[in-house]
Amino acid sequence: MEKNANLKTHLEELIQLSETEFKYISSHFHLKTLKKNQSLIQVDDSVEHTYFVKKGLLKAVYTDENGKEHILQFAMENWWITDYQSYFTKTKAILAVICLENVELLALSYNDREKLCREFHSLDFFFRKKANSGYLALQKRMLMFLVYDTKSRYELLLSQYPSLYQRVSKSIIAAYLGVSRETLSRLDKKKVL
């Protein structure tokens, strides 16, 4: 099977590519593997790549001045992750991206992405649609925090990403929901009853 088959399938959810086009496009991606608990991006790094997740799970984290971690995003198979502010504005990273499992990633540099988008209007369309989807997900997440109570946020997370609950610790789920581990335990007990 083609080594980047899941990337091809992912791209073809939105665009059609010939074998020759895909081979050329995929030649601009580079495999990166990391172990669980390794950092893909650290705060103050220069971020040159966006990453397509072939295998594994990562989290993007902002740590406030009090040392509290705020999880902005998870990324699992067929998702994209980076510190987008740093990637697009060429500023230092404000997020850390950490592996929650062993991961295999396909790295695409900013310059290669721009080059490919100039050469393939369909790829430009693909990344625009992905950016729009990401914006909608971010808006939903912000509204979730503004409108929903803790129990509703918890239930929504479980319904949207049931596999996530099996793959990460409850303390990580709690951090994503913005609640304490104890609050999550209380919600978990109510769910079982």
Foldseek 3Di string as FASTA:
>chain_A
DPPCVLVQVLLVVQDDDDPVLVVVLLVQWDKDKDFAFDWPADFQAQDFWKKAWQAAKKWKWAQDPVRAIATDDMHGHRGIDDQVVRQVVVGTRRIIIGTNGITMIIIHGSVSLVVSCVVDVSSVVSVVVNVVVVVVVNVVLVVCVVPPDLLVLVVVCCVVCVVVPVRHDLCVVCSHSVHHSVVSVVSVVVVVD
